[in-house]
Amino acid sequence: MKAKISEIFKSIQGEGVYQGQEQVFVRFYGCNLACSFCDTHLNSYTEKTVEEVINEIINLGECHSVSLTGGEPLLQQDFLNALAAGLKARGLRVYLETNGVLAENLRRVIDNLDIVSMDFKMPTSTGLKSYWAQHREFLKAASGKDVFVKAVVGRDTQLCDIRTAMAIIREVRPQTKFVLQPQNPFEDILTAKVKGYVRTCRESGIEAEIGVQMHKQWGVK
């Protein structure tokens, strides 16, 4: 069994609740969405076996966890599951970065994951259709693990999407942390908008915070 892998590297996690932790990143090729703000453009890949990937990870040395990212890793779920099982068997913590819409795929691999970083693809941010039903089922499937939710906020993002996201969190897993990321953290109007959304979440009992993609500021991958 082989998977399409774009790259494997060691770096610092730049976003979310594990920001600042050293991780080995395994970037899977291919995605089922095309968000307007996407900054990951994968143009090539190498087909690798599970053992080849594990050996590359181990050769990069100790780390907090192994981030399985993309693209969308759950598109290659059988390989992902075998890889995650192999990593856990070697005492490594497995961190999944996902767009949060493939709940059935997640259910097939969840036992071999430790941390799930899922996105809410808010339609007024992405320019895509609504995925709220898929996100609800995905959060249900992930709720037995260490899971948090991220969402990008752009100029067009509307409060109605924030309220829908909050409603899903309250319904499924109220303790879930909600990280709101300004598309451009140096745009004062956008930063103020995100602060307002965070305040709205907190006033509604949702644990929320502003997230900035710090790896871009640090000059690392």
N, C-alpha and C. Protein backbone atom coordinates (compact mmCIF):
# COMPACT_ATOMS: atom_id res chain seq x y z
N MET A 1 0.84 -1.19 0.00
CA MET A 1 0.00 0.00 0.00
C MET A 1 0.88 1.25 0.00
N LYS A 2 0.54 2.18 -0.89
CA LYS A 2 1.29 3.42 -0.99
C LYS A 2 0.34 4.61 -0.95
N ALA A 3 0.89 5.76 -0.58
CA ALA A 3 0.11 7.00 -0.58
C ALA A 3 0.89 8.07 -1.32
N LYS A 4 0.16 9.09 -1.78
CA LYS A 4 0.77 10.23 -2.43
C LYS A 4 1.19 11.23 -1.35
N ILE A 5 2.48 11.37 -1.15
CA ILE A 5 3.03 12.25 -0.11
C ILE A 5 3.81 13.39 -0.77
N SER A 6 3.44 14.62 -0.43
CA SER A 6 4.11 15.78 -1.02
C SER A 6 5.44 16.08 -0.33
N GLU A 7 5.46 15.96 1.00
CA GLU A 7 6.71 16.23 1.71
C GLU A 7 6.62 15.74 3.15
N ILE A 8 7.78 15.50 3.72
CA ILE A 8 7.92 15.14 5.14
C ILE A 8 9.03 16.01 5.70
N PHE A 9 8.75 16.75 6.76
CA PHE A 9 9.75 17.66 7.31
C PHE A 9 9.47 17.90 8.80
N LYS A 10 10.47 18.41 9.47
CA LYS A 10 10.34 18.75 10.89
C LYS A 10 10.30 20.26 11.04
N SER A 11 9.36 20.74 11.85
CA SER A 11 9.23 22.18 12.04
C SER A 11 8.46 22.46 13.33
N ILE A 12 8.02 23.69 13.46
CA ILE A 12 7.27 24.14 14.63
C ILE A 12 5.81 24.36 14.22
N GLN A 13 4.88 23.81 15.01
CA GLN A 13 3.46 24.04 14.72
C GLN A 13 3.15 25.52 14.89
N GLY A 14 2.58 26.11 13.84
CA GLY A 14 2.40 27.56 13.85
C GLY A 14 1.00 28.04 14.17
N GLU A 15 0.04 27.11 14.37
CA GLU A 15 -1.33 27.56 14.61
C GLU A 15 -2.07 26.58 15.52
N GLY A 16 -3.19 27.06 16.05
CA GLY A 16 -4.00 26.19 16.89
C GLY A 16 -3.51 26.12 18.33
N VAL A 17 -4.09 25.24 19.11
CA VAL A 17 -3.79 25.19 20.54
C VAL A 17 -2.43 24.57 20.84
N TYR A 18 -1.81 23.92 19.84
CA TYR A 18 -0.46 23.35 20.04
C TYR A 18 0.61 24.20 19.37
N GLN A 19 0.30 25.46 19.14
CA GLN A 19 1.25 26.39 18.54
C GLN A 19 2.55 26.41 19.35
N GLY A 20 3.66 26.32 18.64
CA GLY A 20 4.98 26.36 19.28
C GLY A 20 5.58 24.99 19.54
N GLN A 21 4.79 23.92 19.39
CA GLN A 21 5.31 22.58 19.61
C GLN A 21 6.06 22.09 18.38
N GLU A 22 7.15 21.36 18.63
CA GLU A 22 7.92 20.80 17.53
C GLU A 22 7.22 19.53 17.01
N GLN A 23 7.00 19.49 15.72
CA GLN A 23 6.32 18.36 15.10
C GLN A 23 7.06 17.91 13.85
N VAL A 24 6.83 16.66 13.49
CA VAL A 24 7.17 16.18 12.15
C VAL A 24 5.89 16.23 11.34
N PHE A 25 5.96 16.87 10.18
CA PHE A 25 4.79 17.05 9.32
C PHE A 25 4.85 16.09 8.15
N VAL A 26 3.78 15.36 7.94
CA VAL A 26 3.62 14.51 6.77
C VAL A 26 2.50 15.12 5.94
N ARG A 27 2.86 15.68 4.80
CA ARG A 27 1.87 16.40 3.99
C ARG A 27 1.35 15.49 2.87
N PHE A 28 0.07 15.12 2.99
CA PHE A 28 -0.58 14.28 1.99
C PHE A 28 -1.01 15.13 0.79
N TYR A 29 -0.90 14.53 -0.38
CA TYR A 29 -1.26 15.22 -1.62
C TYR A 29 -2.76 15.07 -1.89
N GLY A 30 -3.39 16.15 -2.37
CA GLY A 30 -4.77 16.09 -2.80
C GLY A 30 -5.74 16.62 -1.77
N CYS A 31 -6.77 17.35 -2.26
CA CYS A 31 -7.80 17.89 -1.37
C CYS A 31 -9.15 17.84 -2.09
N ASN A 32 -10.20 17.68 -1.32
CA ASN A 32 -11.55 17.62 -1.89
C ASN A 32 -12.25 18.98 -1.88
N LEU A 33 -11.57 20.02 -1.36
CA LEU A 33 -12.14 21.36 -1.34
C LEU A 33 -11.19 22.33 -2.04
N ALA A 34 -11.72 23.52 -2.33
CA ALA A 34 -10.90 24.56 -2.97
C ALA A 34 -11.28 25.90 -2.35
N CYS A 35 -10.84 26.11 -1.11
CA CYS A 35 -11.20 27.33 -0.38
C CYS A 35 -10.52 28.54 -1.01
N SER A 36 -11.21 29.65 -1.02
CA SER A 36 -10.68 30.85 -1.66
C SER A 36 -9.41 31.35 -1.00
N PHE A 37 -9.23 31.08 0.30
CA PHE A 37 -8.07 31.59 1.03
C PHE A 37 -6.93 30.58 1.12
N CYS A 38 -7.05 29.43 0.49
CA CYS A 38 -6.05 28.37 0.64
C CYS A 38 -4.65 28.87 0.26
N ASP A 39 -3.68 28.59 1.14
CA ASP A 39 -2.30 29.01 0.88
C ASP A 39 -1.36 27.81 0.74
N THR A 40 -1.95 26.61 0.57
CA THR A 40 -1.16 25.40 0.37
C THR A 40 -1.42 24.88 -1.03
N HIS A 41 -0.44 25.06 -1.91
CA HIS A 41 -0.60 24.66 -3.30
C HIS A 41 0.39 23.53 -3.60
N LEU A 42 -0.15 22.32 -3.69
CA LEU A 42 0.68 21.13 -3.86
C LEU A 42 0.75 20.75 -5.34
N ASN A 43 1.96 20.76 -5.88
CA ASN A 43 2.13 20.51 -7.31
C ASN A 43 2.79 19.17 -7.61
N SER A 44 3.29 18.50 -6.59
CA SER A 44 3.99 17.24 -6.85
C SER A 44 3.88 16.32 -5.64
N TYR A 45 4.17 15.06 -5.87
CA TYR A 45 4.14 14.07 -4.78
C TYR A 45 5.04 12.91 -5.15
N THR A 46 5.34 12.11 -4.13
CA THR A 46 6.05 10.85 -4.31
C THR A 46 5.21 9.76 -3.66
N GLU A 47 5.07 8.64 -4.32
CA GLU A 47 4.34 7.52 -3.72
C GLU A 47 5.26 6.78 -2.76
N LYS A 48 4.81 6.66 -1.51
CA LYS A 48 5.63 6.04 -0.47
C LYS A 48 4.83 4.98 0.26
N THR A 49 5.52 3.97 0.78
CA THR A 49 4.89 2.96 1.61
C THR A 49 4.83 3.45 3.06
N VAL A 50 4.05 2.75 3.86
CA VAL A 50 3.95 3.10 5.28
C VAL A 50 5.32 3.03 5.95
N GLU A 51 6.05 1.98 5.70
CA GLU A 51 7.36 1.83 6.33
C GLU A 51 8.33 2.92 5.89
N GLU A 52 8.27 3.30 4.64
CA GLU A 52 9.15 4.38 4.16
C GLU A 52 8.84 5.69 4.89
N VAL A 53 7.55 5.98 5.07
CA VAL A 53 7.17 7.21 5.77
C VAL A 53 7.60 7.15 7.22
N ILE A 54 7.35 6.02 7.88
CA ILE A 54 7.73 5.89 9.29
C ILE A 54 9.23 6.04 9.46
N ASN A 55 10.00 5.45 8.60
CA ASN A 55 11.46 5.55 8.70
C ASN A 55 11.93 7.00 8.54
N GLU A 56 11.33 7.72 7.61
CA GLU A 56 11.69 9.13 7.44
C GLU A 56 11.35 9.94 8.68
N ILE A 57 10.20 9.65 9.27
CA ILE A 57 9.79 10.35 10.49
C ILE A 57 10.78 10.08 11.62
N ILE A 58 11.11 8.84 11.84
CA ILE A 58 12.02 8.46 12.92
C ILE A 58 13.40 9.10 12.72
N ASN A 59 13.85 9.15 11.47
CA ASN A 59 15.17 9.73 11.17
C ASN A 59 15.23 11.23 11.46
N LEU A 60 14.07 11.87 11.58
CA LEU A 60 14.05 13.31 11.87
C LEU A 60 14.16 13.60 13.37
N GLY A 61 14.14 12.56 14.19
CA GLY A 61 14.38 12.75 15.61
C GLY A 61 13.12 12.96 16.43
N GLU A 62 13.31 13.24 17.72
CA GLU A 62 12.19 13.36 18.65
C GLU A 62 11.32 14.58 18.33
N CYS A 63 10.05 14.45 18.68
CA CYS A 63 9.12 15.56 18.47
C CYS A 63 7.93 15.40 19.41
N HIS A 64 7.17 16.48 19.54
CA HIS A 64 5.96 16.43 20.37
C HIS A 64 4.94 15.47 19.79
N SER A 65 4.77 15.52 18.45
CA SER A 65 3.77 14.70 17.77
C SER A 65 4.05 14.72 16.28
N VAL A 66 3.38 13.81 15.57
CA VAL A 66 3.49 13.75 14.12
C VAL A 66 2.20 14.31 13.53
N SER A 67 2.31 15.38 12.76
CA SER A 67 1.15 16.02 12.15
C SER A 67 0.89 15.44 10.77
N LEU A 68 -0.27 14.81 10.62
CA LEU A 68 -0.70 14.29 9.33
C LEU A 68 -1.58 15.35 8.71
N THR A 69 -1.07 16.01 7.69
CA THR A 69 -1.71 17.21 7.15
C THR A 69 -1.81 17.11 5.64
N GLY A 70 -2.21 18.18 4.99
CA GLY A 70 -2.39 18.09 3.55
C GLY A 70 -2.36 19.44 2.88
N GLY A 71 -3.20 19.53 1.79
CA GLY A 71 -4.20 18.62 1.33
C GLY A 71 -5.17 18.15 2.42
N GLU A 72 -5.79 17.02 2.13
CA GLU A 72 -6.71 16.39 3.07
C GLU A 72 -6.31 14.93 3.28
N PRO A 73 -5.68 14.62 4.43
CA PRO A 73 -5.18 13.26 4.67
C PRO A 73 -6.26 12.18 4.63
N LEU A 74 -7.49 12.51 5.02
CA LEU A 74 -8.54 11.50 5.09
C LEU A 74 -8.98 10.99 3.73
N LEU A 75 -8.56 11.63 2.65
CA LEU A 75 -8.84 11.10 1.32
C LEU A 75 -8.09 9.80 1.08
N GLN A 76 -7.01 9.58 1.83
CA GLN A 76 -6.21 8.35 1.72
C GLN A 76 -6.31 7.60 3.06
N GLN A 77 -7.54 7.29 3.46
CA GLN A 77 -7.83 6.84 4.82
C GLN A 77 -7.18 5.51 5.17
N ASP A 78 -7.11 4.56 4.24
CA ASP A 78 -6.53 3.25 4.57
C ASP A 78 -5.05 3.38 4.89
N PHE A 79 -4.36 4.13 4.07
CA PHE A 79 -2.94 4.39 4.33
C PHE A 79 -2.78 5.17 5.62
N LEU A 80 -3.60 6.20 5.79
CA LEU A 80 -3.55 7.03 6.99
C LEU A 80 -3.72 6.18 8.24
N ASN A 81 -4.66 5.26 8.22
CA ASN A 81 -4.91 4.42 9.38
C ASN A 81 -3.72 3.52 9.67
N ALA A 82 -3.16 2.93 8.63
CA ALA A 82 -2.00 2.06 8.82
C ALA A 82 -0.80 2.84 9.33
N LEU A 83 -0.61 4.05 8.79
CA LEU A 83 0.49 4.90 9.25
C LEU A 83 0.31 5.30 10.70
N ALA A 84 -0.90 5.75 11.05
CA ALA A 84 -1.17 6.17 12.43
C ALA A 84 -0.97 5.01 13.40
N ALA A 85 -1.43 3.83 13.03
CA ALA A 85 -1.25 2.66 13.89
C ALA A 85 0.23 2.34 14.07
N GLY A 86 1.00 2.45 13.00
CA GLY A 86 2.44 2.19 13.07
C GLY A 86 3.15 3.22 13.94
N LEU A 87 2.73 4.46 13.88
CA LEU A 87 3.34 5.51 14.70
C LEU A 87 3.03 5.29 16.17
N LYS A 88 1.77 4.98 16.46
CA LYS A 88 1.39 4.74 17.86
C LYS A 88 2.11 3.52 18.43
N ALA A 89 2.31 2.50 17.60
CA ALA A 89 3.04 1.31 18.06
C ALA A 89 4.47 1.64 18.43
N ARG A 90 4.99 2.72 17.89
CA ARG A 90 6.35 3.17 18.20
C ARG A 90 6.37 4.27 19.25
N GLY A 91 5.23 4.49 19.89
CA GLY A 91 5.16 5.45 21.00
C GLY A 91 5.05 6.89 20.58
N LEU A 92 4.67 7.15 19.34
CA LEU A 92 4.56 8.53 18.85
C LEU A 92 3.11 9.01 18.91
N ARG A 93 2.93 10.28 19.22
CA ARG A 93 1.60 10.88 19.28
C ARG A 93 1.18 11.33 17.88
N VAL A 94 -0.07 11.05 17.52
CA VAL A 94 -0.55 11.31 16.16
C VAL A 94 -1.57 12.47 16.17
N TYR A 95 -1.28 13.46 15.34
CA TYR A 95 -2.04 14.71 15.25
C TYR A 95 -2.59 14.82 13.84
N LEU A 96 -3.91 14.88 13.69
CA LEU A 96 -4.53 14.98 12.37
C LEU A 96 -5.00 16.40 12.11
N GLU A 97 -4.58 16.95 10.98
CA GLU A 97 -5.05 18.27 10.52
C GLU A 97 -6.00 18.03 9.35
N THR A 98 -7.26 18.48 9.48
CA THR A 98 -8.28 18.08 8.52
C THR A 98 -9.29 19.19 8.27
N ASN A 99 -9.92 19.14 7.09
CA ASN A 99 -10.95 20.13 6.78
C ASN A 99 -12.30 19.80 7.42
N GLY A 100 -12.40 18.66 8.08
CA GLY A 100 -13.55 18.39 8.92
C GLY A 100 -14.85 18.08 8.22
N VAL A 101 -14.78 17.49 7.02
CA VAL A 101 -16.03 17.18 6.31
C VAL A 101 -16.21 15.68 6.04
N LEU A 102 -15.18 14.87 6.26
CA LEU A 102 -15.24 13.45 5.92
C LEU A 102 -15.41 12.62 7.19
N ALA A 103 -16.59 12.71 7.78
CA ALA A 103 -16.83 12.07 9.08
C ALA A 103 -16.70 10.56 9.02
N GLU A 104 -17.22 9.94 7.97
CA GLU A 104 -17.17 8.48 7.88
C GLU A 104 -15.72 8.00 7.77
N ASN A 105 -14.92 8.72 7.01
CA ASN A 105 -13.50 8.38 6.90
C ASN A 105 -12.82 8.52 8.26
N LEU A 106 -13.18 9.56 9.00
CA LEU A 106 -12.59 9.76 10.33
C LEU A 106 -12.94 8.60 11.25
N ARG A 107 -14.17 8.14 11.22
CA ARG A 107 -14.59 7.05 12.11
C ARG A 107 -13.74 5.80 11.91
N ARG A 108 -13.24 5.61 10.71
CA ARG A 108 -12.45 4.42 10.41
C ARG A 108 -11.02 4.51 10.93
N VAL A 109 -10.57 5.72 11.28
CA VAL A 109 -9.18 5.89 11.72
C VAL A 109 -9.07 6.45 13.13
N ILE A 110 -10.18 6.86 13.72
CA ILE A 110 -10.15 7.64 14.96
C ILE A 110 -9.42 6.94 16.10
N ASP A 111 -9.50 5.61 16.15
CA ASP A 111 -8.86 4.89 17.26
C ASP A 111 -7.35 5.06 17.28
N ASN A 112 -6.76 5.38 16.14
CA ASN A 112 -5.30 5.52 16.07
C ASN A 112 -4.84 6.97 16.09
N LEU A 113 -5.75 7.89 16.43
CA LEU A 113 -5.39 9.30 16.51
C LEU A 113 -5.38 9.77 17.96
N ASP A 114 -4.58 10.78 18.25
CA ASP A 114 -4.54 11.39 19.59
C ASP A 114 -5.15 12.78 19.59
N ILE A 115 -4.84 13.58 18.58
CA ILE A 115 -5.27 14.97 18.51
C ILE A 115 -5.91 15.22 17.15
N VAL A 116 -7.05 15.90 17.15
CA VAL A 116 -7.71 16.25 15.89
C VAL A 116 -7.86 17.77 15.82
N SER A 117 -7.23 18.36 14.82
CA SER A 117 -7.37 19.78 14.53
C SER A 117 -8.27 19.90 13.30
N MET A 118 -9.53 20.25 13.54
CA MET A 118 -10.48 20.29 12.43
C MET A 118 -10.87 21.73 12.10
N ASP A 119 -11.18 21.94 10.85
CA ASP A 119 -11.62 23.26 10.40
C ASP A 119 -13.14 23.32 10.34
N PHE A 120 -13.67 24.51 10.57
CA PHE A 120 -15.02 24.84 10.15
C PHE A 120 -14.86 25.66 8.87
N LYS A 121 -15.32 25.12 7.76
CA LYS A 121 -15.22 25.83 6.48
C LYS A 121 -16.47 26.70 6.32
N MET A 122 -16.42 27.88 6.91
CA MET A 122 -17.57 28.77 6.91
C MET A 122 -17.80 29.32 5.50
N PRO A 123 -19.01 29.18 4.96
CA PRO A 123 -19.23 29.54 3.56
C PRO A 123 -18.94 30.99 3.22
N THR A 124 -19.16 31.92 4.16
CA THR A 124 -18.86 33.32 3.84
C THR A 124 -17.36 33.60 3.88
N SER A 125 -16.58 32.65 4.38
CA SER A 125 -15.11 32.76 4.34
C SER A 125 -14.51 32.05 3.14
N THR A 126 -15.04 30.85 2.84
CA THR A 126 -14.42 29.99 1.83
C THR A 126 -14.87 30.30 0.41
N GLY A 127 -16.08 30.86 0.26
CA GLY A 127 -16.66 31.01 -1.07
C GLY A 127 -17.25 29.72 -1.59
N LEU A 128 -17.36 28.72 -0.72
CA LEU A 128 -17.91 27.42 -1.09
C LEU A 128 -19.31 27.25 -0.51
N LYS A 129 -19.91 26.12 -0.80
CA LYS A 129 -21.22 25.81 -0.22
C LYS A 129 -21.07 25.52 1.26
N SER A 130 -22.19 25.39 1.95
CA SER A 130 -22.20 25.09 3.38
C SER A 130 -21.83 23.63 3.64
N TYR A 131 -21.02 23.41 4.68
CA TYR A 131 -20.67 22.06 5.12
C TYR A 131 -21.06 21.84 6.58
N TRP A 132 -22.05 22.57 7.06
CA TRP A 132 -22.40 22.50 8.48
C TRP A 132 -22.82 21.10 8.91
N ALA A 133 -23.63 20.42 8.11
CA ALA A 133 -24.06 19.06 8.48
C ALA A 133 -22.87 18.12 8.59
N GLN A 134 -21.94 18.24 7.65
CA GLN A 134 -20.73 17.40 7.68
C GLN A 134 -19.87 17.73 8.89
N HIS A 135 -19.75 19.02 9.20
CA HIS A 135 -18.96 19.42 10.37
C HIS A 135 -19.57 18.89 11.67
N ARG A 136 -20.89 18.92 11.75
CA ARG A 136 -21.57 18.41 12.96
C ARG A 136 -21.24 16.92 13.16
N GLU A 137 -21.35 16.13 12.09
CA GLU A 137 -21.06 14.71 12.20
C GLU A 137 -19.59 14.45 12.47
N PHE A 138 -18.73 15.29 11.89
CA PHE A 138 -17.29 15.12 12.09
C PHE A 138 -16.92 15.38 13.54
N LEU A 139 -17.45 16.44 14.12
CA LEU A 139 -17.14 16.76 15.52
C LEU A 139 -17.66 15.66 16.43
N LYS A 140 -18.81 15.09 16.11
CA LYS A 140 -19.32 13.95 16.88
C LYS A 140 -18.33 12.79 16.84
N ALA A 141 -17.82 12.51 15.65
CA ALA A 141 -16.88 11.38 15.48
C ALA A 141 -15.56 11.63 16.20
N ALA A 142 -15.16 12.90 16.32
CA ALA A 142 -13.87 13.25 16.93
C ALA A 142 -13.96 13.50 18.42
N SER A 143 -15.17 13.57 18.96
CA SER A 143 -15.36 14.13 20.31
C SER A 143 -14.74 13.30 21.43
N GLY A 144 -14.37 12.05 21.16
CA GLY A 144 -13.71 11.26 22.19
C GLY A 144 -12.22 11.51 22.28
N LYS A 145 -11.70 12.33 21.40
CA LYS A 145 -10.27 12.63 21.36
C LYS A 145 -10.00 14.07 21.80
N ASP A 146 -8.73 14.44 21.83
CA ASP A 146 -8.33 15.83 22.06
C ASP A 146 -8.58 16.58 20.77
N VAL A 147 -9.68 17.34 20.70
CA VAL A 147 -10.07 17.99 19.46
C VAL A 147 -10.30 19.47 19.67
N PHE A 148 -9.90 20.27 18.70
CA PHE A 148 -10.23 21.69 18.69
C PHE A 148 -10.59 22.08 17.27
N VAL A 149 -11.26 23.23 17.14
CA VAL A 149 -11.77 23.68 15.84
C VAL A 149 -11.13 25.01 15.48
N LYS A 150 -10.75 25.15 14.20
CA LYS A 150 -10.22 26.40 13.68
C LYS A 150 -11.13 26.91 12.57
N ALA A 151 -11.14 28.22 12.37
CA ALA A 151 -11.88 28.81 11.25
C ALA A 151 -11.18 30.08 10.81
N VAL A 152 -11.05 30.25 9.51
CA VAL A 152 -10.46 31.46 8.94
C VAL A 152 -11.54 32.53 8.82
N VAL A 153 -11.19 33.74 9.24
CA VAL A 153 -12.10 34.88 9.13
C VAL A 153 -11.51 35.87 8.14
N GLY A 154 -12.28 36.16 7.09
CA GLY A 154 -11.86 37.12 6.08
C GLY A 154 -12.78 38.32 6.05
N ARG A 155 -12.58 39.19 5.09
CA ARG A 155 -13.39 40.41 4.98
C ARG A 155 -14.87 40.10 4.79
N ASP A 156 -15.17 38.97 4.12
CA ASP A 156 -16.55 38.66 3.80
C ASP A 156 -17.24 37.77 4.84
N THR A 157 -16.50 37.33 5.84
CA THR A 157 -17.08 36.44 6.85
C THR A 157 -18.20 37.15 7.61
N GLN A 158 -19.30 36.44 7.79
CA GLN A 158 -20.47 37.02 8.43
C GLN A 158 -20.73 36.40 9.80
N LEU A 159 -21.33 37.18 10.68
CA LEU A 159 -21.64 36.74 12.03
C LEU A 159 -22.56 35.52 12.03
N CYS A 160 -23.41 35.39 11.03
CA CYS A 160 -24.32 34.25 10.98
C CYS A 160 -23.56 32.93 10.95
N ASP A 161 -22.40 32.90 10.27
CA ASP A 161 -21.58 31.69 10.24
C ASP A 161 -20.95 31.41 11.61
N ILE A 162 -20.51 32.45 12.28
CA ILE A 162 -19.95 32.28 13.62
C ILE A 162 -21.02 31.71 14.55
N ARG A 163 -22.22 32.20 14.46
CA ARG A 163 -23.31 31.71 15.32
C ARG A 163 -23.66 30.25 15.02
N THR A 164 -23.62 29.88 13.75
CA THR A 164 -23.87 28.49 13.39
C THR A 164 -22.78 27.58 13.94
N ALA A 165 -21.53 28.02 13.83
CA ALA A 165 -20.41 27.26 14.38
C ALA A 165 -20.55 27.09 15.88
N MET A 166 -20.92 28.17 16.57
CA MET A 166 -21.11 28.08 18.02
C MET A 166 -22.22 27.11 18.38
N ALA A 167 -23.30 27.11 17.61
CA ALA A 167 -24.42 26.22 17.88
C ALA A 167 -24.00 24.76 17.76
N ILE A 168 -23.17 24.45 16.78
CA ILE A 168 -22.69 23.07 16.61
C ILE A 168 -21.81 22.67 17.78
N ILE A 169 -20.91 23.55 18.18
CA ILE A 169 -20.04 23.26 19.32
C ILE A 169 -20.87 23.02 20.58
N ARG A 170 -21.83 23.90 20.84
CA ARG A 170 -22.69 23.74 22.03
C ARG A 170 -23.45 22.43 22.00
N GLU A 171 -23.94 22.06 20.83
CA GLU A 171 -24.74 20.85 20.69
C GLU A 171 -23.90 19.57 20.86
N VAL A 172 -22.72 19.56 20.26
CA VAL A 172 -21.95 18.32 20.16
C VAL A 172 -20.92 18.17 21.28
N ARG A 173 -20.14 19.22 21.51
CA ARG A 173 -19.03 19.13 22.47
C ARG A 173 -18.73 20.52 23.01
N PRO A 174 -19.47 20.96 24.04
CA PRO A 174 -19.39 22.36 24.50
C PRO A 174 -18.01 22.80 24.96
N GLN A 175 -17.16 21.87 25.38
CA GLN A 175 -15.82 22.24 25.86
C GLN A 175 -14.81 22.44 24.75
N THR A 176 -15.22 22.27 23.50
CA THR A 176 -14.30 22.41 22.37
C THR A 176 -13.80 23.85 22.24
N LYS A 177 -12.48 23.99 22.13
CA LYS A 177 -11.91 25.32 21.91
C LYS A 177 -12.06 25.71 20.46
N PHE A 178 -12.45 26.98 20.23
CA PHE A 178 -12.70 27.52 18.90
C PHE A 178 -11.66 28.59 18.61
N VAL A 179 -10.78 28.33 17.64
CA VAL A 179 -9.70 29.24 17.29
C VAL A 179 -10.08 29.97 16.00
N LEU A 180 -10.16 31.31 16.09
CA LEU A 180 -10.54 32.13 14.94
C LEU A 180 -9.29 32.81 14.38
N GLN A 181 -9.02 32.57 13.10
CA GLN A 181 -7.80 33.05 12.48
C GLN A 181 -8.09 34.13 11.45
N PRO A 182 -7.62 35.37 11.67
CA PRO A 182 -7.78 36.40 10.64
C PRO A 182 -6.97 36.04 9.40
N GLN A 183 -7.59 36.16 8.25
CA GLN A 183 -6.90 35.83 7.01
C GLN A 183 -5.65 36.69 6.84
N ASN A 184 -5.75 37.95 7.27
CA ASN A 184 -4.59 38.85 7.25
C ASN A 184 -4.47 39.48 8.64
N PRO A 185 -3.55 38.98 9.48
CA PRO A 185 -3.46 39.48 10.85
C PRO A 185 -2.96 40.91 10.97
N PHE A 186 -2.49 41.49 9.84
CA PHE A 186 -1.96 42.85 9.88
C PHE A 186 -2.97 43.86 9.36
N GLU A 187 -4.18 43.40 9.10
CA GLU A 187 -5.24 44.29 8.66
C GLU A 187 -6.07 44.68 9.87
N ASP A 188 -5.96 45.94 10.29
CA ASP A 188 -6.56 46.37 11.55
C ASP A 188 -8.07 46.13 11.61
N ILE A 189 -8.77 46.42 10.52
CA ILE A 189 -10.22 46.23 10.51
C ILE A 189 -10.58 44.76 10.69
N LEU A 190 -9.82 43.89 10.04
CA LEU A 190 -10.08 42.45 10.14
C LEU A 190 -9.76 41.93 11.53
N THR A 191 -8.66 42.42 12.11
CA THR A 191 -8.30 42.01 13.46
C THR A 191 -9.38 42.43 14.45
N ALA A 192 -9.90 43.63 14.29
CA ALA A 192 -10.99 44.09 15.16
C ALA A 192 -12.24 43.23 14.99
N LYS A 193 -12.49 42.81 13.78
CA LYS A 193 -13.64 41.95 13.49
C LYS A 193 -13.49 40.61 14.22
N VAL A 194 -12.30 40.03 14.16
CA VAL A 194 -12.06 38.75 14.83
C VAL A 194 -12.19 38.90 16.34
N LYS A 195 -11.67 39.98 16.88
CA LYS A 195 -11.80 40.22 18.32
C LYS A 195 -13.28 40.28 18.72
N GLY A 196 -14.08 40.91 17.89
CA GLY A 196 -15.51 40.99 18.18
C GLY A 196 -16.16 39.61 18.15
N TYR A 197 -15.76 38.78 17.19
CA TYR A 197 -16.31 37.43 17.11
C TYR A 197 -15.89 36.59 18.31
N VAL A 198 -14.64 36.74 18.73
CA VAL A 198 -14.16 36.02 19.91
C VAL A 198 -14.96 36.44 21.15
N ARG A 199 -15.20 37.72 21.27
CA ARG A 199 -15.99 38.22 22.40
C ARG A 199 -17.41 37.65 22.37
N THR A 200 -18.01 37.58 21.19
CA THR A 200 -19.35 37.01 21.05
C THR A 200 -19.36 35.54 21.48
N CYS A 201 -18.35 34.80 21.08
CA CYS A 201 -18.25 33.39 21.47
C CYS A 201 -18.15 33.25 22.99
N ARG A 202 -17.27 34.03 23.58
CA ARG A 202 -17.06 33.92 25.03
C ARG A 202 -18.30 34.30 25.80
N GLU A 203 -19.02 35.31 25.33
CA GLU A 203 -20.25 35.72 25.99
C GLU A 203 -21.32 34.64 25.91
N SER A 204 -21.19 33.75 24.92
CA SER A 204 -22.12 32.64 24.75
C SER A 204 -21.63 31.36 25.41
N GLY A 205 -20.52 31.45 26.12
CA GLY A 205 -20.00 30.28 26.83
C GLY A 205 -19.09 29.39 26.02
N ILE A 206 -18.68 29.83 24.82
CA ILE A 206 -17.76 29.06 24.00
C ILE A 206 -16.33 29.54 24.26
N GLU A 207 -15.43 28.61 24.52
CA GLU A 207 -14.03 28.96 24.73
C GLU A 207 -13.39 29.28 23.38
N ALA A 208 -13.11 30.55 23.17
CA ALA A 208 -12.59 30.99 21.87
C ALA A 208 -11.34 31.84 22.05
N GLU A 209 -10.51 31.86 21.01
CA GLU A 209 -9.31 32.68 21.04
C GLU A 209 -8.92 33.07 19.62
N ILE A 210 -8.12 34.12 19.52
CA ILE A 210 -7.58 34.54 18.23
C ILE A 210 -6.35 33.69 17.92
N GLY A 211 -6.28 33.21 16.69
CA GLY A 211 -5.11 32.43 16.27
C GLY A 211 -4.45 33.09 15.07
N VAL A 212 -3.14 33.24 15.14
CA VAL A 212 -2.37 33.80 14.04
C VAL A 212 -1.40 32.73 13.56
N GLN A 213 -1.25 32.60 12.25
CA GLN A 213 -0.33 31.61 11.70
C GLN A 213 1.12 32.06 11.95
N MET A 214 1.62 31.68 13.12
CA MET A 214 2.92 32.20 13.55
C MET A 214 4.09 31.63 12.76
N HIS A 215 3.92 30.46 12.16
CA HIS A 215 5.05 29.91 11.39
C HIS A 215 5.43 30.83 10.24
N LYS A 216 4.46 31.59 9.72
CA LYS A 216 4.76 32.55 8.66
C LYS A 216 5.59 33.71 9.20
N GLN A 217 5.30 34.09 10.45
CA GLN A 217 6.06 35.16 11.07
C GLN A 217 7.46 34.70 11.47
N TRP A 218 7.57 33.42 11.82
CA TRP A 218 8.86 32.86 12.23
C TRP A 218 9.74 32.52 11.03
N GLY A 219 9.13 32.47 9.84
CA GLY A 219 9.88 32.14 8.63
C GLY A 219 10.19 30.68 8.50
N VAL A 220 9.29 29.80 9.01
CA VAL A 220 9.45 28.36 8.87
C VAL A 220 8.25 27.80 8.13
N LYS A 221 8.34 26.56 7.71
CA LYS A 221 7.25 25.91 7.00
C LYS A 221 6.04 25.77 7.93
